[in-house]
Amino acid sequence: MQAEIITIGDEILIGQIVDSNSAFIAKQLNAIGVSVYQITSVQDDRTHILKSLAEAEANADIVIITGGLGPTKDDITKKTLADYFNDTLVEDLSVRKNIEQIWEIYVKKPIMQVNLDQALVPSKADVLMNRYGSAPGMWLEHNDTVFISLPGVPYEMEALIKDEVIPKLRTRFQFPYIQHKTFLTYGMGESALAKRIETFENELPEFIKLAYLPSLGRVRLRLSAKGVEKRTIETEMENQIATLLPQIKDIFVGFEEDLSIEAVIGKQLTTIEKTVATAESCTGGLIAERFTANPGASKYFKGSIVSYTKEVKVNLLKVPEHIIDEFSVVSAQVAETMAMNVREQLQTDFAVATTGNAGPTKDDTAEDLGIVYIAIATKEAVYSEKFSFGNHRIKVINKAANKAFEMLQKEILKK
């Protein structure tokens, strides 16, 4: 079964925003056995949209459209859908009630007609109620193709996909059983890892595929099985997992299961009832940001001190000035002192510290561009490692954050 995704909006085509919606939708469809045939981005233009709808109908069983459902004049998706299906727009009372409640509870301003007009939907459409916004989702069927139109606001679209679209698709179609298992590895490049497990990959059954997903110092290995018999899939997947694990045990840090390493670490810290804090210089708070992006992070993440300058290191983190003068801000001694002091100040079980030279200039350190020191502190000890992450600023910062999570993960697994 094939799907096509159509994103509508000039802001995508001029590079004003990144199309993250398509990536999310494709991932959700893949999880239920639907292959995405094509992703198309089009302007807010009636002729262009109509052409894309016709082409998608010829190619796909399911067409998912995002964007163009707002209250402004350039949001023309609903009117164009009505034209495509030779339909008219009618007011849906349940959507109108939802809009009125949103304005009463959250907006607290007089509601305008353009907002009420969002309750207009094609008469042939099944409404998919949007719990987080005023623009509803719409489900239409035409010549055995399902068309699903969703708002472009990411959190609104994501909720509709999970709560409305996927359950309705499962009812409408019969899908194969799919199982994914993702191994999170650190410390070995993609090519070296592929060479190590070449025999394992060659001996996989036809219905199980192995994918390499490298990203700045880490490689995710994803086993994907697809078939009709659920029991057969699950049994064989367990066999392959048991075969692969001993071959990567020195670089394996856990099963990702579509979770980031920071989310995995969060679960582990919660399980053992431990906490962590960060002291960040060159990573500028990125490690803390990635921790706090996960719901419930306050259970294990206490806080961060972003000490981007020498003055903050000295005054807030209490790094002795003579250590900085002797070894420079980019040094093992400073990284370790930062980690120890933030752990003590925030009273945590673990602490992570980063200090480095992300570039483009060397500032007041003798270290080369790309040199980063990462320290891990516990109640018992502190240690640091030195890394060279190249000369691209964003790459250095992201690789440093990834390596910090790797180091923290290994320390947690010792407990």
Protein backbone atom coordinates (compact mmCIF):
# COMPACT_ATOMS: atom_id res chain seq x y z
CA MET A 1 0.00 0.00 0.00
CA GLN A 2 1.35 3.40 -1.04
CA ALA A 3 0.86 6.93 0.23
CA GLU A 4 1.77 10.38 -1.00
CA ILE A 5 2.28 13.42 1.20
CA ILE A 6 1.50 16.90 -0.10
CA THR A 7 2.61 19.94 1.88
CA ILE A 8 1.02 23.25 0.98
CA GLY A 9 2.62 26.57 1.71
CA ASP A 10 4.91 29.14 0.12
CA GLU A 11 6.92 29.29 3.37
CA ILE A 12 8.32 25.80 2.68
CA LEU A 13 9.31 26.56 -0.89
CA ILE A 14 11.19 29.77 -0.02
CA GLY A 15 13.07 28.03 2.81
CA GLN A 16 11.39 30.00 5.60
CA ILE A 17 10.50 26.80 7.45
CA VAL A 18 11.70 23.21 7.29
CA ASP A 19 9.15 20.56 6.31
CA SER A 20 9.26 18.45 9.47
CA ASN A 21 5.63 17.41 9.00
CA SER A 22 6.42 15.07 6.12
CA ALA A 23 9.13 13.30 8.10
CA PHE A 24 6.74 12.73 11.00
CA ILE A 25 3.91 11.48 8.78
CA ALA A 26 6.21 9.18 6.80
CA LYS A 27 7.51 7.63 10.00
CA GLN A 28 4.00 7.02 11.33
CA LEU A 29 2.84 5.50 8.05
CA ASN A 30 5.90 3.26 7.81
CA ALA A 31 5.18 1.93 11.28
CA ILE A 32 1.87 0.49 10.07
CA GLY A 33 3.18 -0.86 6.78
CA VAL A 34 2.39 2.00 4.39
CA SER A 35 5.16 3.00 1.96
CA VAL A 36 5.45 6.67 1.07
CA TYR A 37 5.65 6.88 -2.73
CA GLN A 38 6.37 10.59 -2.97
CA ILE A 39 6.50 13.82 -0.98
CA THR A 40 5.46 16.97 -2.83
CA SER A 41 5.54 20.60 -1.73
CA VAL A 42 3.29 23.06 -3.56
CA GLN A 43 2.45 26.75 -3.46
CA ASP A 44 -0.79 28.16 -2.09
CA ASP A 45 -2.06 28.12 -5.65
CA ARG A 46 -5.34 26.52 -6.74
CA THR A 47 -4.10 25.21 -10.11
CA HIS A 48 -0.94 23.78 -8.60
CA ILE A 49 -2.85 22.08 -5.78
CA LEU A 50 -5.42 20.56 -8.16
CA LYS A 51 -2.65 19.20 -10.37
CA SER A 52 -0.89 17.65 -7.37
CA LEU A 53 -4.11 16.04 -6.10
CA ALA A 54 -4.77 14.44 -9.50
CA GLU A 55 -1.21 13.12 -9.77
CA ALA A 56 -1.30 11.76 -6.23
CA GLU A 57 -4.60 9.99 -6.84
CA ALA A 58 -3.06 8.21 -9.81
CA ASN A 59 -0.09 7.03 -7.72
CA ALA A 60 -1.29 6.36 -4.20
CA ASP A 61 -3.92 4.65 -2.08
CA ILE A 62 -3.63 7.30 0.64
CA VAL A 63 -2.96 11.01 0.13
CA ILE A 64 -2.17 13.13 3.17
CA ILE A 65 -2.21 16.90 2.77
CA THR A 66 -0.90 19.37 5.34
CA GLY A 67 -1.19 23.14 5.42
CA GLY A 68 -3.40 25.80 3.90
CA LEU A 69 -6.23 25.48 6.43
CA GLY A 70 -5.81 28.75 8.31
CA PRO A 71 -8.25 31.69 8.52
CA THR A 72 -6.44 33.95 6.03
CA LYS A 73 -7.16 34.52 2.36
CA ASP A 74 -4.08 32.65 1.17
CA ASP A 75 -5.20 29.45 2.90
CA ILE A 76 -7.20 27.91 0.06
CA THR A 77 -6.91 24.17 0.66
CA LYS A 78 -10.53 23.57 1.72
CA LYS A 79 -11.99 25.47 -1.22
CA THR A 80 -9.67 23.68 -3.62
CA LEU A 81 -10.57 20.28 -2.16
CA ALA A 82 -14.24 21.09 -2.58
CA ASP A 83 -13.59 21.98 -6.22
CA TYR A 84 -11.61 18.77 -6.78
CA PHE A 85 -14.41 16.60 -5.39
CA ASN A 86 -17.14 18.67 -7.07
CA ASP A 87 -18.43 19.54 -3.61
CA THR A 88 -19.53 22.54 -1.59
CA LEU A 89 -18.48 23.83 1.82
CA VAL A 90 -20.95 23.50 4.67
CA GLU A 91 -20.73 24.47 8.33
CA ASP A 92 -19.94 21.62 10.72
CA LEU A 93 -21.61 22.42 14.05
CA SER A 94 -19.16 20.34 16.10
CA VAL A 95 -16.22 22.26 14.66
CA ARG A 96 -17.97 25.60 15.27
CA LYS A 97 -18.57 24.62 18.88
CA ASN A 98 -14.90 23.69 19.25
CA ILE A 99 -13.85 27.08 17.83
CA GLU A 100 -16.19 28.95 20.16
CA GLN A 101 -14.85 27.06 23.17
CA ILE A 102 -11.25 27.85 22.20
CA TRP A 103 -12.06 31.56 21.99
CA GLU A 104 -14.00 31.53 25.24
CA ILE A 105 -11.35 29.67 27.26
CA TYR A 106 -8.05 30.76 25.69
CA VAL A 107 -8.38 33.75 23.36
CA LYS A 108 -10.87 35.81 25.40
CA LYS A 109 -11.44 38.25 22.56
CA PRO A 110 -14.42 38.74 20.23
CA ILE A 111 -14.46 35.98 17.66
CA MET A 112 -14.25 37.10 14.03
CA GLN A 113 -16.11 35.65 11.08
CA VAL A 114 -12.89 34.45 9.45
CA ASN A 115 -12.34 32.26 12.49
CA LEU A 116 -15.88 30.90 12.45
CA ASP A 117 -15.43 30.15 8.75
CA GLN A 118 -12.92 27.47 9.75
CA ALA A 119 -15.99 25.39 10.60
CA LEU A 120 -16.75 25.22 6.86
CA VAL A 121 -15.80 21.83 5.43
CA PRO A 122 -16.62 19.92 2.23
CA SER A 123 -20.01 18.26 2.66
CA LYS A 124 -18.56 14.86 1.70
CA ALA A 125 -15.82 15.03 4.34
CA ASP A 126 -15.64 13.19 7.64
CA VAL A 127 -14.39 15.68 10.21
CA LEU A 128 -11.32 14.82 12.28
CA MET A 129 -11.62 16.96 15.42
CA ASN A 130 -8.59 19.07 16.22
CA ARG A 131 -8.19 19.19 20.01
CA TYR A 132 -5.40 21.77 19.87
CA GLY A 133 -6.59 24.24 17.26
CA SER A 134 -9.49 25.62 15.28
CA ALA A 135 -8.78 24.06 11.85
CA PRO A 136 -10.26 20.54 11.63
CA GLY A 137 -8.80 17.59 9.83
CA MET A 138 -10.85 16.20 6.94
CA TRP A 139 -11.17 12.68 5.53
CA LEU A 140 -12.51 12.21 1.98
CA GLU A 141 -12.62 9.20 -0.33
CA HIS A 142 -12.60 9.32 -4.12
CA ASN A 143 -12.14 6.45 -6.61
CA ASP A 144 -10.78 4.13 -3.89
CA THR A 145 -8.20 6.71 -2.76
CA VAL A 146 -8.34 8.21 0.73
CA PHE A 147 -7.56 11.92 0.98
CA ILE A 148 -6.74 13.29 4.41
CA SER A 149 -6.28 17.03 4.90
CA LEU A 150 -4.61 18.23 8.11
CA PRO A 151 -3.54 21.60 9.54
CA GLY A 152 0.11 22.47 9.05
CA VAL A 153 0.85 23.43 12.66
CA PRO A 154 3.11 20.54 13.73
CA TYR A 155 1.67 19.76 17.17
CA GLU A 156 -1.88 19.92 15.82
CA MET A 157 -1.01 17.68 12.87
CA GLU A 158 0.88 15.18 15.05
CA ALA A 159 -2.03 14.77 17.47
CA LEU A 160 -4.47 14.25 14.59
CA ILE A 161 -2.21 11.65 12.99
CA LYS A 162 -1.84 9.68 16.21
CA ASP A 163 -5.36 10.03 17.61
CA GLU A 164 -7.51 10.13 14.48
CA VAL A 165 -5.76 9.21 11.24
CA ILE A 166 -3.81 6.08 12.18
CA PRO A 167 -6.73 4.44 14.07
CA LYS A 168 -9.09 5.22 11.17
CA LEU A 169 -6.63 3.85 8.62
CA ARG A 170 -6.31 0.65 10.64
CA THR A 171 -10.09 0.28 10.52
CA ARG A 172 -10.28 1.07 6.81
CA PHE A 173 -7.40 -1.15 5.60
CA GLN A 174 -5.63 -4.36 6.54
CA PHE A 175 -1.93 -3.80 7.14
CA PRO A 176 0.98 -6.23 7.57
CA TYR A 177 2.56 -6.67 10.99
CA ILE A 178 5.76 -4.63 11.35
CA GLN A 179 8.30 -4.71 14.16
CA HIS A 180 11.32 -2.46 14.58
CA LYS A 181 14.19 -2.81 17.04
CA THR A 182 16.83 -0.10 17.18
CA PHE A 183 20.24 -0.63 18.75
CA LEU A 184 22.07 2.48 19.89
CA THR A 185 25.85 2.28 19.45
CA TYR A 186 28.63 4.74 20.17
CA GLY A 187 32.35 4.79 19.46
CA MET A 188 32.58 3.05 16.07
CA GLY A 189 32.01 4.46 12.60
CA GLU A 190 29.44 3.15 10.14
CA SER A 191 31.90 1.46 7.77
CA ALA A 192 33.84 -0.30 10.53
CA LEU A 193 30.60 -1.44 12.15
CA ALA A 194 29.25 -2.72 8.82
CA LYS A 195 32.44 -4.71 8.31
CA ARG A 196 32.20 -6.24 11.78
CA ILE A 197 28.62 -7.48 11.33
CA GLU A 198 28.78 -8.25 7.61
CA THR A 199 28.13 -11.98 8.09
CA PHE A 200 25.18 -11.31 10.38
CA GLU A 201 23.63 -8.98 7.81
CA ASN A 202 24.13 -11.41 4.94
CA GLU A 203 22.42 -14.21 6.86
CA LEU A 204 19.27 -12.27 7.78
CA PRO A 205 15.95 -13.74 6.58
CA GLU A 206 14.41 -11.98 3.59
CA PHE A 207 11.65 -10.42 5.68
CA ILE A 208 14.11 -8.71 8.07
CA LYS A 209 16.13 -5.70 6.94
CA LEU A 210 19.04 -3.96 8.65
CA ALA A 211 19.50 -0.19 8.34
CA TYR A 212 22.48 1.93 9.44
CA LEU A 213 21.56 5.37 10.77
CA PRO A 214 24.80 7.31 11.50
CA SER A 215 24.82 10.69 13.19
CA LEU A 216 27.84 12.55 14.57
CA GLY A 217 29.62 9.95 16.66
CA ARG A 218 26.87 7.40 16.94
CA VAL A 219 25.26 4.76 14.75
CA ARG A 220 21.79 3.38 15.21
CA LEU A 221 21.20 -0.12 13.88
CA ARG A 222 17.56 -0.72 13.04
CA LEU A 223 16.20 -4.20 12.45
CA SER A 224 12.85 -4.11 10.65
CA ALA A 225 10.65 -7.14 10.12
CA LYS A 226 7.48 -7.18 8.04
CA GLY A 227 5.03 -10.01 7.43
CA VAL A 228 1.57 -11.43 7.94
CA GLU A 229 2.18 -13.74 10.92
CA LYS A 230 2.82 -11.74 14.07
CA ARG A 231 4.17 -14.69 16.06
CA THR A 232 6.65 -15.63 13.34
CA ILE A 233 7.91 -12.05 13.12
CA GLU A 234 8.36 -11.68 16.88
CA THR A 235 10.07 -15.06 17.31
CA GLU A 236 12.57 -14.46 14.52
CA MET A 237 13.28 -10.91 15.68
CA GLU A 238 14.15 -12.19 19.15
CA ASN A 239 16.52 -14.73 17.56
CA GLN A 240 18.26 -12.06 15.51
CA ILE A 241 18.55 -9.69 18.48
CA ALA A 242 20.17 -12.44 20.50
CA THR A 243 22.59 -13.10 17.63
CA LEU A 244 23.56 -9.47 17.08
CA LEU A 245 24.02 -8.29 20.66
CA PRO A 246 27.20 -10.30 21.45
CA GLN A 247 28.80 -8.92 18.28
CA ILE A 248 28.37 -5.28 19.33
CA LYS A 249 28.45 -5.54 23.13
CA ASP A 250 31.48 -3.22 23.49
CA ILE A 251 29.72 -0.33 21.70
CA PHE A 252 26.07 -1.07 22.53
CA VAL A 253 24.49 1.36 25.01
CA GLY A 254 20.82 0.40 24.85
CA PHE A 255 17.73 -0.06 22.73
CA GLU A 256 16.48 3.23 21.40
CA GLU A 257 12.91 2.17 20.53
CA ASP A 258 12.40 5.47 18.73
CA LEU A 259 13.68 7.32 21.80
CA SER A 260 16.69 9.58 21.75
CA ILE A 261 19.67 8.69 23.92
CA GLU A 262 18.73 11.50 26.29
CA ALA A 263 15.27 9.99 26.73
CA VAL A 264 16.82 6.56 27.31
CA ILE A 265 19.15 8.08 29.91
CA GLY A 266 16.17 9.79 31.52
CA LYS A 267 14.37 6.47 31.88
CA GLN A 268 17.46 4.87 33.35
CA LEU A 269 18.00 7.68 35.85
CA THR A 270 14.36 7.52 36.87
CA THR A 271 14.60 3.75 37.40
CA ILE A 272 17.63 4.01 39.67
CA GLU A 273 16.33 7.22 41.28
CA LYS A 274 19.38 9.31 40.41
CA THR A 275 19.75 12.89 39.15
CA VAL A 276 22.02 14.82 36.82
CA ALA A 277 23.13 18.39 36.17
CA THR A 278 25.22 20.01 33.47
CA ALA A 279 27.84 22.73 33.26
CA GLU A 280 28.21 23.75 29.64
CA SER A 281 30.59 26.07 27.87
CA CYS A 282 31.10 25.25 24.20
CA THR A 283 27.79 23.35 23.92
CA GLY A 284 25.91 26.44 25.10
CA GLY A 285 23.10 24.62 26.89
CA LEU A 286 22.41 22.08 24.13
CA ILE A 287 22.72 19.11 26.51
CA ALA A 288 20.27 20.70 28.94
CA GLU A 289 17.91 21.55 26.08
CA ARG A 290 17.91 17.95 24.88
CA PHE A 291 17.21 16.68 28.39
CA THR A 292 14.32 19.08 29.01
CA ALA A 293 12.70 18.36 25.64
CA ASN A 294 11.45 15.12 27.21
CA PRO A 295 8.29 15.13 29.38
CA GLY A 296 9.02 14.39 33.02
CA ALA A 297 12.66 15.50 32.83
CA SER A 298 12.34 17.28 36.18
CA LYS A 299 12.40 13.87 37.87
CA TYR A 300 16.06 13.41 37.01
CA PHE A 301 17.45 16.64 35.53
CA LYS A 302 17.99 19.37 38.13
CA GLY A 303 19.47 22.14 36.01
CA SER A 304 22.40 23.61 34.16
CA ILE A 305 24.90 26.43 34.39
CA VAL A 306 25.88 27.70 30.95
CA SER A 307 29.29 29.21 31.67
CA TYR A 308 30.16 30.57 28.28
CA THR A 309 32.73 33.06 29.58
CA LYS A 310 35.65 32.87 31.98
CA GLU A 311 33.86 35.22 34.38
CA VAL A 312 30.87 32.88 34.72
CA LYS A 313 33.14 29.90 35.24
CA VAL A 314 34.89 31.74 38.05
CA ASN A 315 31.96 33.53 39.66
CA LEU A 316 29.15 31.00 39.31
CA LEU A 317 30.89 27.65 38.95
CA LYS A 318 33.66 28.63 41.36
CA VAL A 319 36.43 27.43 39.09
CA PRO A 320 39.63 28.81 40.69
CA GLU A 321 41.09 31.50 38.48
CA HIS A 322 44.60 30.12 38.88
CA ILE A 323 43.50 26.83 37.25
CA ILE A 324 42.23 28.73 34.22
CA ASP A 325 45.36 30.85 34.08
CA GLU A 326 47.62 27.83 34.29
CA PHE A 327 45.78 25.40 32.00
CA SER A 328 43.40 27.70 29.98
CA VAL A 329 39.61 27.49 29.81
CA VAL A 330 39.84 24.58 27.34
CA SER A 331 41.49 21.95 29.49
CA ALA A 332 40.84 18.76 31.39
CA GLN A 333 41.38 20.54 34.70
CA VAL A 334 38.72 23.16 33.99
CA ALA A 335 36.22 20.59 32.63
CA GLU A 336 36.61 18.40 35.70
CA THR A 337 36.30 21.31 38.11
CA MET A 338 33.16 22.48 36.31
CA ALA A 339 31.62 19.01 36.60
CA MET A 340 32.51 18.59 40.29
CA ASN A 341 31.27 22.03 41.25
CA VAL A 342 27.95 21.93 39.41
CA ARG A 343 27.24 18.51 40.92
CA GLU A 344 27.89 19.89 44.39
CA GLN A 345 25.97 23.11 43.83
CA LEU A 346 22.88 21.38 42.45
CA GLN A 347 23.21 18.32 44.68
CA THR A 348 22.99 15.66 41.99
CA ASP A 349 24.35 12.14 41.58
CA PHE A 350 25.91 12.81 38.17
CA ALA A 351 27.20 15.88 36.39
CA VAL A 352 28.40 16.54 32.85
CA ALA A 353 30.67 19.41 31.84
CA THR A 354 31.90 20.59 28.46
CA THR A 355 34.54 23.13 27.54
CA GLY A 356 36.08 23.48 24.13
CA ASN A 357 36.88 25.51 21.08
CA ALA A 358 34.06 25.26 18.55
CA GLY A 359 35.45 28.07 16.40
CA PRO A 360 35.62 29.86 14.12
CA THR A 361 38.39 31.60 16.12
CA LYS A 362 40.62 30.26 18.89
CA ASP A 363 39.86 33.10 21.35
CA ASP A 364 42.03 32.90 24.49
CA THR A 365 43.01 29.24 24.32
CA ALA A 366 46.04 27.55 22.81
CA GLU A 367 44.01 24.50 21.78
CA ASP A 368 43.20 23.90 18.13
CA LEU A 369 39.74 24.40 16.67
CA GLY A 370 37.46 21.48 17.42
CA ILE A 371 39.16 20.43 20.66
CA VAL A 372 36.63 19.68 23.40
CA TYR A 373 37.06 18.34 26.91
CA ILE A 374 34.11 16.50 28.42
CA ALA A 375 34.00 15.60 32.10
CA ILE A 376 31.74 13.31 34.09
CA ALA A 377 31.48 13.69 37.86
CA THR A 378 29.87 11.37 40.39
CA LYS A 379 29.89 11.40 44.16
CA GLU A 380 32.92 9.11 44.08
CA ALA A 381 35.09 10.43 41.28
CA VAL A 382 35.55 12.69 38.27
CA TYR A 383 37.25 12.09 34.93
CA SER A 384 37.49 13.76 31.56
CA GLU A 385 38.35 12.93 27.97
CA LYS A 386 39.79 15.06 25.18
CA PHE A 387 38.27 14.99 21.69
CA SER A 388 38.95 16.56 18.32
CA PHE A 389 35.69 17.14 16.47
CA GLY A 390 36.92 18.98 13.37
CA ASN A 391 36.60 22.61 12.32
CA HIS A 392 32.88 23.04 11.59
CA ARG A 393 31.26 24.90 14.47
CA ILE A 394 27.80 23.27 14.43
CA LYS A 395 29.31 19.84 13.90
CA VAL A 396 31.68 20.33 16.85
CA ILE A 397 28.85 21.40 19.16
CA ASN A 398 26.55 18.53 18.20
CA LYS A 399 29.28 15.90 18.32
CA ALA A 400 30.29 17.16 21.75
CA ALA A 401 26.73 16.85 23.02
CA ASN A 402 26.39 13.34 21.59
CA LYS A 403 29.70 12.25 23.10
CA ALA A 404 28.67 13.71 26.48
CA PHE A 405 25.52 11.60 26.45
CA GLU A 406 27.55 8.55 25.49
CA MET A 407 29.95 9.07 28.38
CA LEU A 408 27.12 9.67 30.83
CA GLN A 409 25.31 6.56 29.61
CA LYS A 410 28.36 4.40 30.22
CA GLU A 411 28.74 5.82 33.73
CA ILE A 412 25.09 5.16 34.55
CA LEU A 413 25.38 1.56 33.37
CA LYS A 414 28.08 0.98 35.99
CA LYS A 415 25.58 1.61 38.79
